[in-house]
N, C-alpha and C. Protein backbone atom coordinates (compact mmCIF):
# COMPACT_ATOMS: atom_id res chain seq x y z
N MET A 1 16.77 6.38 -18.94
CA MET A 1 15.86 5.62 -18.32
C MET A 1 15.54 6.46 -16.88
N THR A 2 16.97 6.60 -16.26
CA THR A 2 17.02 7.04 -14.82
C THR A 2 16.02 8.63 -15.14
N ARG A 3 16.53 9.29 -16.21
CA ARG A 3 16.01 10.68 -16.01
C ARG A 3 14.14 10.58 -16.23
N PHE A 4 13.87 9.41 -16.96
CA PHE A 4 12.32 9.16 -16.98
C PHE A 4 11.90 9.24 -15.57
N LEU A 5 12.49 8.29 -15.06
CA LEU A 5 11.87 7.72 -13.63
C LEU A 5 12.09 9.21 -12.81
N LEU A 6 13.34 9.80 -12.78
CA LEU A 6 13.06 11.32 -11.73
C LEU A 6 12.03 11.83 -12.39
N ILE A 7 11.56 11.95 -13.59
CA ILE A 7 10.63 12.93 -14.16
C ILE A 7 9.10 12.25 -13.74
N ALA A 8 8.82 11.11 -13.94
CA ALA A 8 7.88 10.30 -13.54
C ALA A 8 7.65 10.49 -11.99
N CYS A 9 8.70 10.36 -11.23
CA CYS A 9 8.58 10.34 -9.76
C CYS A 9 8.03 11.96 -9.35
N GLY A 10 8.71 12.94 -9.97
CA GLY A 10 8.09 14.37 -9.84
C GLY A 10 6.76 14.51 -10.30
N ILE A 11 6.18 13.88 -11.37
CA ILE A 11 5.18 14.13 -11.51
C ILE A 11 3.99 13.09 -10.37
N LEU A 12 4.64 12.22 -10.11
CA LEU A 12 3.77 11.43 -8.75
C LEU A 12 3.75 12.32 -7.71
N ILE A 13 4.94 12.69 -7.19
CA ILE A 13 4.80 13.63 -6.30
C ILE A 13 3.92 14.97 -6.37
N THR A 14 3.89 15.38 -7.18
CA THR A 14 3.22 16.63 -7.64
C THR A 14 1.75 16.09 -7.53
N SER A 15 1.24 14.94 -8.08
CA SER A 15 -0.14 14.54 -8.38
C SER A 15 -0.62 14.36 -7.06
N VAL A 16 0.15 13.60 -6.31
CA VAL A 16 -0.10 13.31 -4.57
C VAL A 16 -0.25 14.79 -4.04
N SER A 17 0.65 15.55 -4.19
CA SER A 17 0.23 16.75 -3.41
C SER A 17 -0.88 17.81 -3.93
N ASN A 18 -1.48 17.37 -5.04
CA ASN A 18 -2.57 18.06 -5.41
C ASN A 18 -3.51 17.52 -5.14
N THR A 19 -3.64 15.94 -4.81
CA THR A 19 -4.46 15.35 -4.27
C THR A 19 -5.16 15.44 -3.24
N PHE A 20 -3.93 15.53 -2.33
CA PHE A 20 -4.06 15.86 -0.58
C PHE A 20 -4.29 17.17 -0.26
N GLY A 21 -3.80 17.90 -1.08
CA GLY A 21 -3.63 19.76 -0.94
C GLY A 21 -4.66 20.25 -1.14
N GLN A 22 -5.97 19.84 -1.95
CA GLN A 22 -6.59 20.82 -2.68
C GLN A 22 -7.29 21.65 -1.50
N SER A 23 -8.11 20.92 -0.56
CA SER A 23 -8.77 21.91 0.55
C SER A 23 -8.22 21.66 1.66
N GLY A 24 -8.76 22.39 2.90
CA GLY A 24 -8.18 22.03 4.32
C GLY A 24 -9.30 21.42 4.84
N THR A 25 -10.58 21.20 3.94
CA THR A 25 -11.33 20.36 4.97
C THR A 25 -11.73 19.25 4.43
N GLN A 26 -12.09 18.23 5.00
CA GLN A 26 -12.22 16.87 4.64
C GLN A 26 -13.82 16.57 4.34
N HIS A 27 -13.88 16.10 3.01
CA HIS A 27 -15.57 15.91 2.57
C HIS A 27 -15.13 14.21 2.53
N PRO A 28 -16.44 13.32 3.16
CA PRO A 28 -16.30 11.91 2.96
C PRO A 28 -16.18 11.53 1.64
N GLY A 29 -17.05 12.25 0.87
CA GLY A 29 -17.07 11.70 -0.35
C GLY A 29 -15.36 11.63 -1.25
N ASN A 30 -14.80 12.68 -0.72
CA ASN A 30 -13.57 12.94 -1.60
C ASN A 30 -12.42 11.87 -0.65
N ASN A 31 -12.71 11.07 0.37
CA ASN A 31 -11.68 10.10 0.91
C ASN A 31 -11.79 9.10 -0.21
N HIS A 32 -12.54 8.60 -1.02
CA HIS A 32 -13.01 7.40 -1.51
C HIS A 32 -12.06 8.17 -2.98
N ALA A 33 -12.27 9.25 -3.66
CA ALA A 33 -11.88 9.47 -4.89
C ALA A 33 -10.12 9.84 -4.45
N ARG A 34 -9.82 10.32 -3.40
CA ARG A 34 -8.24 10.20 -3.19
C ARG A 34 -7.63 8.68 -3.14
N GLN A 35 -8.54 8.09 -2.43
CA GLN A 35 -7.72 6.66 -2.47
C GLN A 35 -7.77 5.90 -3.61
N GLU A 36 -8.47 6.27 -4.71
CA GLU A 36 -8.53 5.76 -6.33
C GLU A 36 -7.58 6.49 -6.98
N LYS A 37 -7.60 7.62 -6.69
CA LYS A 37 -6.35 8.39 -7.60
C LYS A 37 -4.78 8.10 -6.97
N VAL A 38 -4.84 7.58 -5.62
CA VAL A 38 -3.35 7.30 -5.18
C VAL A 38 -3.23 5.87 -5.59
N GLU A 39 -4.41 4.81 -5.73
CA GLU A 39 -4.17 3.88 -6.16
C GLU A 39 -3.84 3.85 -8.02
N LYS A 40 -4.12 4.66 -8.46
CA LYS A 40 -3.92 4.68 -10.31
C LYS A 40 -2.35 5.24 -10.33
N LEU A 41 -2.26 6.12 -9.19
CA LEU A 41 -0.64 6.67 -8.96
C LEU A 41 0.14 5.60 -8.82
N LYS A 42 -0.16 4.82 -7.79
CA LYS A 42 0.64 3.42 -7.49
C LYS A 42 0.97 2.53 -8.83
N ILE A 43 -0.60 2.26 -9.41
CA ILE A 43 -0.33 1.43 -10.60
C ILE A 43 0.54 1.85 -11.72
N ALA A 44 0.59 3.37 -12.18
CA ALA A 44 1.34 3.88 -12.89
C ALA A 44 2.99 3.75 -12.50
N TYR A 45 3.29 4.06 -11.14
CA TYR A 45 4.55 4.02 -10.60
C TYR A 45 4.84 2.48 -10.80
N LEU A 46 4.30 1.44 -10.14
CA LEU A 46 4.71 0.46 -10.72
C LEU A 46 4.94 -0.21 -11.94
N THR A 47 4.26 0.12 -12.72
CA THR A 47 4.22 0.01 -14.21
C THR A 47 5.33 0.57 -14.85
N ARG A 48 5.69 1.74 -14.48
CA ARG A 48 7.23 2.00 -15.03
C ARG A 48 8.20 1.55 -14.38
N ARG A 49 8.31 1.00 -12.86
CA ARG A 49 9.43 0.46 -12.20
C ARG A 49 9.71 -0.87 -12.87
N LEU A 50 8.54 -1.69 -13.23
CA LEU A 50 8.52 -3.12 -13.52
C LEU A 50 8.87 -3.24 -14.97
N ASP A 51 8.41 -2.49 -15.70
CA ASP A 51 8.84 -2.66 -17.19
C ASP A 51 8.39 -3.89 -17.79
N LEU A 52 6.99 -4.10 -17.74
CA LEU A 52 6.33 -5.39 -18.10
C LEU A 52 6.20 -5.41 -19.64
N SER A 53 6.48 -6.40 -20.41
CA SER A 53 6.31 -6.81 -21.80
C SER A 53 4.61 -6.76 -21.43
N SER A 54 3.93 -6.80 -22.74
CA SER A 54 2.45 -6.37 -22.65
C SER A 54 1.97 -8.00 -22.16
N GLU A 55 2.84 -9.03 -22.41
CA GLU A 55 2.21 -10.64 -21.86
C GLU A 55 2.57 -10.78 -20.60
N GLN A 56 3.50 -10.30 -20.14
CA GLN A 56 3.69 -10.09 -18.38
C GLN A 56 2.59 -9.29 -18.09
N ALA A 57 2.07 -8.03 -18.50
CA ALA A 57 1.16 -7.06 -17.83
C ALA A 57 0.02 -7.95 -17.89
N ARG A 58 -0.56 -8.60 -19.07
CA ARG A 58 -1.83 -9.26 -19.05
C ARG A 58 -1.82 -10.29 -17.91
N ALA A 59 -1.14 -10.81 -17.65
CA ALA A 59 -0.75 -11.97 -16.57
C ALA A 59 -0.71 -11.44 -15.22
N PHE A 60 0.22 -10.25 -15.17
CA PHE A 60 0.71 -9.86 -13.43
C PHE A 60 -0.65 -9.18 -13.13
N TRP A 61 -1.18 -8.31 -13.39
CA TRP A 61 -2.08 -7.28 -13.05
C TRP A 61 -3.45 -7.85 -12.26
N PRO A 62 -4.02 -9.13 -12.90
CA PRO A 62 -4.88 -9.66 -12.24
C PRO A 62 -4.56 -10.38 -11.20
N VAL A 63 -3.26 -11.01 -10.77
CA VAL A 63 -2.75 -11.41 -9.56
C VAL A 63 -2.37 -10.30 -8.71
N TYR A 64 -1.90 -9.43 -9.12
CA TYR A 64 -1.79 -8.26 -8.22
C TYR A 64 -2.86 -7.79 -7.53
N ASN A 65 -3.80 -7.34 -8.32
CA ASN A 65 -5.04 -6.89 -8.11
C ASN A 65 -5.79 -7.99 -6.59
N ALA A 66 -5.66 -9.59 -7.15
CA ALA A 66 -6.28 -10.16 -6.16
C ALA A 66 -5.52 -10.19 -5.21
N TYR A 67 -3.78 -9.96 -5.00
CA TYR A 67 -3.16 -10.02 -3.92
C TYR A 67 -3.78 -8.22 -3.11
N GLN A 68 -3.77 -7.39 -3.50
CA GLN A 68 -3.94 -6.24 -2.99
C GLN A 68 -5.71 -6.26 -2.35
N LYS A 69 -6.27 -7.06 -2.85
CA LYS A 69 -7.64 -6.82 -2.65
C LYS A 69 -7.62 -7.79 -1.09
N ALA A 70 -6.97 -9.19 -1.07
CA ALA A 70 -6.85 -10.19 -0.23
C ALA A 70 -6.08 -9.15 1.11
N TYR A 71 -4.82 -8.41 0.93
CA TYR A 71 -4.50 -7.70 1.88
C TYR A 71 -5.42 -6.78 2.31
N ARG A 72 -6.19 -5.80 1.84
CA ARG A 72 -6.85 -5.05 2.36
C ARG A 72 -7.87 -5.48 3.10
N GLN A 73 -8.32 -6.60 2.87
CA GLN A 73 -9.04 -6.99 3.47
C GLN A 73 -8.80 -7.71 5.21
N LEU A 74 -7.42 -8.09 4.85
CA LEU A 74 -6.86 -8.58 6.17
C LEU A 74 -6.60 -7.68 7.14
N THR A 75 -6.25 -6.22 6.43
CA THR A 75 -5.95 -4.97 7.09
C THR A 75 -7.16 -4.62 7.86
N ALA A 76 -8.14 -4.63 6.95
CA ALA A 76 -9.58 -3.90 7.26
C ALA A 76 -9.97 -4.85 8.62
N ALA A 77 -9.87 -6.19 8.40
CA ALA A 77 -10.60 -7.20 9.72
C ALA A 77 -9.62 -6.78 10.76
N GLN A 78 -8.10 -6.71 10.67
CA GLN A 78 -7.42 -6.24 11.79
C GLN A 78 -7.65 -5.18 12.46
N ARG A 79 -8.07 -3.71 11.51
CA ARG A 79 -8.49 -2.31 12.33
C ARG A 79 -9.83 -2.81 12.81
N ARG A 80 -10.62 -3.34 12.29
CA ARG A 80 -12.02 -3.52 13.12
C ARG A 80 -11.78 -4.54 14.40
N ALA A 81 -10.69 -5.29 14.43
CA ALA A 81 -10.52 -5.94 15.63
C ALA A 81 -9.84 -5.27 16.74
N ARG A 82 -8.83 -4.28 16.23
CA ARG A 82 -8.50 -3.46 17.00
C ARG A 82 -9.21 -2.16 17.97
N LEU A 83 -10.39 -1.70 16.82
CA LEU A 83 -11.07 -1.19 17.91
C LEU A 83 -12.12 -1.74 18.76
N ALA A 84 -12.24 -2.77 18.19
CA ALA A 84 -13.28 -3.86 19.24
C ALA A 84 -12.48 -3.75 20.59
N GLN A 85 -11.40 -4.23 20.54
CA GLN A 85 -10.53 -4.55 21.69
C GLN A 85 -10.55 -3.27 22.65
N GLY A 86 -10.70 -2.42 21.98
CA GLY A 86 -10.24 -1.07 22.88
C GLY A 86 -8.64 -0.75 23.35
N SER A 87 -8.89 0.08 24.28
CA SER A 87 -7.61 0.58 24.84
C SER A 87 -6.62 -0.63 25.56
N PRO A 88 -5.38 -0.69 25.11
CA PRO A 88 -4.46 -1.61 25.77
C PRO A 88 -4.23 -0.91 27.53
N GLN A 89 -4.15 0.24 27.63
CA GLN A 89 -3.85 0.85 29.07
C GLN A 89 -5.41 0.38 30.12
N GLU A 90 -6.41 0.06 29.60
CA GLU A 90 -7.60 -0.39 30.24
C GLU A 90 -8.03 -1.71 30.27
N ALA A 91 -7.36 -2.46 29.56
CA ALA A 91 -7.32 -4.10 29.35
C ALA A 91 -6.73 -4.43 30.65
N THR A 92 -7.32 -5.77 31.11
CA THR A 92 -6.57 -6.75 31.82
C THR A 92 -5.44 -7.16 31.57
N ALA A 93 -4.79 -8.24 31.97
CA ALA A 93 -3.49 -8.81 31.72
C ALA A 93 -3.88 -10.00 30.41
N ALA A 94 -5.02 -10.64 30.85
CA ALA A 94 -5.39 -11.51 29.79
C ALA A 94 -5.95 -10.78 28.83
N GLN A 95 -7.02 -10.04 28.88
CA GLN A 95 -7.01 -9.10 27.50
C GLN A 95 -5.79 -8.77 26.69
N ALA A 96 -4.96 -8.13 27.24
CA ALA A 96 -3.64 -7.77 26.65
C ALA A 96 -2.73 -8.59 26.03
N ARG A 97 -2.90 -9.96 26.72
CA ARG A 97 -2.04 -11.28 25.92
C ARG A 97 -3.04 -11.49 24.65
N GLN A 98 -4.41 -11.42 25.01
CA GLN A 98 -5.08 -11.69 23.65
C GLN A 98 -5.08 -10.92 22.66
N GLN A 99 -4.74 -9.36 22.97
CA GLN A 99 -4.30 -8.73 22.09
C GLN A 99 -3.13 -8.97 21.16
N LEU A 100 -2.18 -9.32 22.06
CA LEU A 100 -0.73 -9.66 21.57
C LEU A 100 -1.09 -10.96 20.65
N GLU A 101 -1.57 -12.08 21.04
CA GLU A 101 -2.00 -13.05 19.88
C GLU A 101 -2.67 -12.44 18.92
N ALA A 102 -3.52 -11.66 18.82
CA ALA A 102 -4.34 -11.32 17.60
C ALA A 102 -3.33 -10.67 16.89
N ASP A 103 -2.61 -9.89 17.34
CA ASP A 103 -1.54 -9.10 16.64
C ASP A 103 -0.45 -9.91 15.86
N PHE A 104 -0.29 -11.33 16.40
CA PHE A 104 1.03 -12.02 15.85
C PHE A 104 0.10 -13.10 14.98
N ASP A 105 -1.23 -13.51 15.21
CA ASP A 105 -1.92 -13.75 14.39
C ASP A 105 -2.02 -13.14 13.02
N TYR A 106 -2.21 -11.77 13.04
CA TYR A 106 -2.82 -10.96 11.75
C TYR A 106 -1.18 -10.89 11.18
N GLN A 107 -0.01 -10.68 11.87
CA GLN A 107 1.41 -10.90 11.11
C GLN A 107 1.38 -12.02 10.25
N GLN A 108 1.29 -13.04 11.02
CA GLN A 108 1.25 -14.49 10.15
C GLN A 108 0.62 -14.63 9.17
N LYS A 109 -0.65 -13.92 9.06
CA LYS A 109 -1.62 -14.05 8.02
C LYS A 109 -1.07 -13.28 6.64
N VAL A 110 -0.56 -12.13 7.12
CA VAL A 110 0.12 -11.16 6.07
C VAL A 110 1.14 -12.40 5.38
N LEU A 111 2.29 -12.61 6.59
CA LEU A 111 3.15 -13.39 5.96
C LEU A 111 3.00 -14.26 5.08
N ASP A 112 1.90 -15.32 5.35
CA ASP A 112 1.10 -16.31 4.72
C ASP A 112 0.84 -15.74 3.07
N LEU A 113 0.09 -14.61 3.42
CA LEU A 113 -0.53 -14.03 2.20
C LEU A 113 0.70 -13.48 1.02
N ARG A 114 1.86 -13.10 1.44
CA ARG A 114 2.67 -12.73 0.77
C ARG A 114 3.49 -13.85 0.32
N LYS A 115 3.97 -14.74 0.85
CA LYS A 115 4.11 -16.09 0.65
C LYS A 115 3.35 -16.65 -0.64
N LYS A 116 2.38 -16.67 -0.43
CA LYS A 116 1.26 -17.51 -1.40
C LYS A 116 1.34 -16.38 -2.62
N TYR A 117 1.25 -15.40 -2.84
CA TYR A 117 1.29 -14.29 -4.04
C TYR A 117 3.01 -14.04 -4.23
N ASN A 118 3.86 -14.52 -3.43
CA ASN A 118 5.27 -14.37 -3.95
C ASN A 118 5.09 -15.55 -4.94
N ARG A 119 5.12 -16.76 -4.60
CA ARG A 119 4.58 -17.99 -5.36
C ARG A 119 4.10 -17.60 -6.80
N GLU A 120 3.01 -16.98 -7.08
CA GLU A 120 2.13 -16.62 -7.90
C GLU A 120 2.85 -15.58 -8.81
N PHE A 121 3.58 -14.63 -8.11
CA PHE A 121 4.29 -13.61 -8.99
C PHE A 121 5.32 -14.48 -9.92
N LEU A 122 6.21 -15.33 -8.87
CA LEU A 122 7.36 -16.06 -9.65
C LEU A 122 7.10 -17.13 -10.90
N LYS A 123 5.51 -17.33 -11.09
CA LYS A 123 5.13 -18.24 -12.05
C LYS A 123 4.98 -17.13 -13.37
N ILE A 124 4.95 -15.79 -12.96
CA ILE A 124 4.71 -14.82 -14.24
C ILE A 124 5.97 -13.95 -14.56
N LEU A 125 6.57 -13.87 -13.46
CA LEU A 125 7.80 -12.73 -13.70
C LEU A 125 9.12 -13.35 -13.07
N PRO A 126 10.25 -12.80 -13.72
CA PRO A 126 11.62 -13.58 -13.21
C PRO A 126 11.77 -12.74 -11.86
N PRO A 127 12.50 -13.47 -11.19
CA PRO A 127 12.67 -13.22 -9.73
C PRO A 127 13.25 -11.71 -9.45
N GLN A 128 13.96 -11.15 -10.24
CA GLN A 128 14.39 -9.96 -10.28
C GLN A 128 13.21 -8.81 -10.37
N LYS A 129 12.33 -9.14 -10.97
CA LYS A 129 11.22 -8.14 -11.36
C LYS A 129 10.52 -8.41 -10.06
N VAL A 130 10.48 -9.57 -9.46
CA VAL A 130 9.54 -9.65 -8.23
C VAL A 130 10.13 -8.96 -6.77
N VAL A 131 11.75 -8.61 -6.88
CA VAL A 131 12.31 -7.85 -6.08
C VAL A 131 12.04 -6.48 -6.32
N ILE A 132 12.05 -5.90 -7.54
CA ILE A 132 11.50 -4.86 -7.81
C ILE A 132 10.29 -4.35 -7.56
N LEU A 133 9.36 -5.44 -7.71
CA LEU A 133 7.80 -5.15 -7.31
C LEU A 133 8.07 -4.57 -5.57
N TYR A 134 8.61 -5.61 -5.17
CA TYR A 134 8.48 -5.33 -3.29
C TYR A 134 9.26 -3.74 -3.03
N ARG A 135 10.39 -3.93 -3.80
CA ARG A 135 10.96 -2.37 -3.54
C ARG A 135 10.33 -1.13 -3.94
N ALA A 136 9.51 -1.32 -5.13
CA ALA A 136 8.67 -0.18 -5.97
C ALA A 136 7.62 -0.09 -5.01
N GLU A 137 6.96 -0.64 -4.44
CA GLU A 137 5.74 -0.68 -3.52
C GLU A 137 6.43 0.08 -2.09
N ARG A 138 7.44 -0.31 -1.78
CA ARG A 138 7.90 0.45 -0.30
C ARG A 138 8.29 1.77 -0.77
N ASP A 139 8.98 2.06 -2.11
CA ASP A 139 9.68 3.25 -2.42
C ASP A 139 8.37 4.34 -2.67
N PHE A 140 7.36 3.62 -3.36
CA PHE A 140 5.97 4.42 -3.44
C PHE A 140 5.35 4.85 -2.15
N TYR A 141 5.61 3.76 -1.14
CA TYR A 141 4.53 4.32 0.33
C TYR A 141 5.68 5.27 0.92
N ASN A 142 6.82 5.12 0.73
CA ASN A 142 7.54 6.06 1.40
C ASN A 142 7.45 7.59 1.04
N ARG A 143 7.61 7.19 -0.40
CA ARG A 143 7.48 8.88 -1.19
C ARG A 143 6.11 9.30 -0.74
N LEU A 144 5.11 8.70 -0.52
CA LEU A 144 3.78 9.36 -0.29
C LEU A 144 3.78 9.98 1.22
N LEU A 145 4.22 9.12 2.03
CA LEU A 145 4.29 9.32 3.37
C LEU A 145 5.14 10.74 3.66
N LYS A 146 6.11 10.48 2.81
CA LYS A 146 6.85 11.85 3.04
C LYS A 146 6.25 13.14 2.53
N GLU A 147 5.76 12.83 1.62
CA GLU A 147 4.64 14.02 0.68
C GLU A 147 3.81 14.52 1.54
N LEU A 148 2.90 13.22 2.18
CA LEU A 148 2.06 13.96 3.18
C LEU A 148 2.35 14.79 4.55
N ARG A 149 3.59 14.26 5.04
CA ARG A 149 4.17 14.71 6.26
C ARG A 149 4.64 16.22 6.06
N GLN A 150 5.06 16.59 4.89
CA GLN A 150 5.59 17.76 4.34
C GLN A 150 4.49 18.75 3.93
N ARG A 151 3.53 18.11 3.62
CA ARG A 151 2.10 18.97 3.82
C ARG A 151 1.45 19.19 5.20
N GLY A 152 1.67 18.03 5.81
CA GLY A 152 1.18 18.48 7.27
C GLY A 152 1.80 19.60 7.97
N GLU A 153 3.40 19.48 7.70
CA GLU A 153 4.23 20.69 8.25
C GLU A 153 3.72 21.77 7.84
N GLN A 154 3.60 22.34 6.47
CA GLN A 154 3.38 23.30 5.97
C GLN A 154 1.93 23.73 6.14
N LYS A 155 1.15 23.12 6.67
CA LYS A 155 -0.15 23.54 7.35
C LYS A 155 -0.11 24.17 8.48
N LYS A 156 0.88 23.97 9.50
CA LYS A 156 1.01 24.27 10.78
C LYS A 156 1.54 25.66 10.71
């Protein structure tokens, strides 16, 4: 099983490398395609790490997809709000306080969302697999960031 995971991770990293390193130029249409490819790689990675039965998979993936959609909506709204706020260096003290409050509100909303879906995941999966899910998500993003950093250093 460990050997399989190592091989799968190698394939994952190679695929991500190919996705992000095919050309030095950014094309607007490629961004969506890259996001889709990364999402597919993440799903494959989580599937391997969670080792779900077919019954668990049928129940889990729709809930997980809803969680991901809600999380993306939260982060997109936060990004738009930050852009609208402008630079903190140019903000007044009152505006900076508002920015801080907005950041804490966002963090609370993310926590609330995670708690809500944690309860949903626990209806489908045993607690051990929910822990594995969160660790696997973190591992995937860490591997992805490491790969992107390495690619960036190679281009210099």
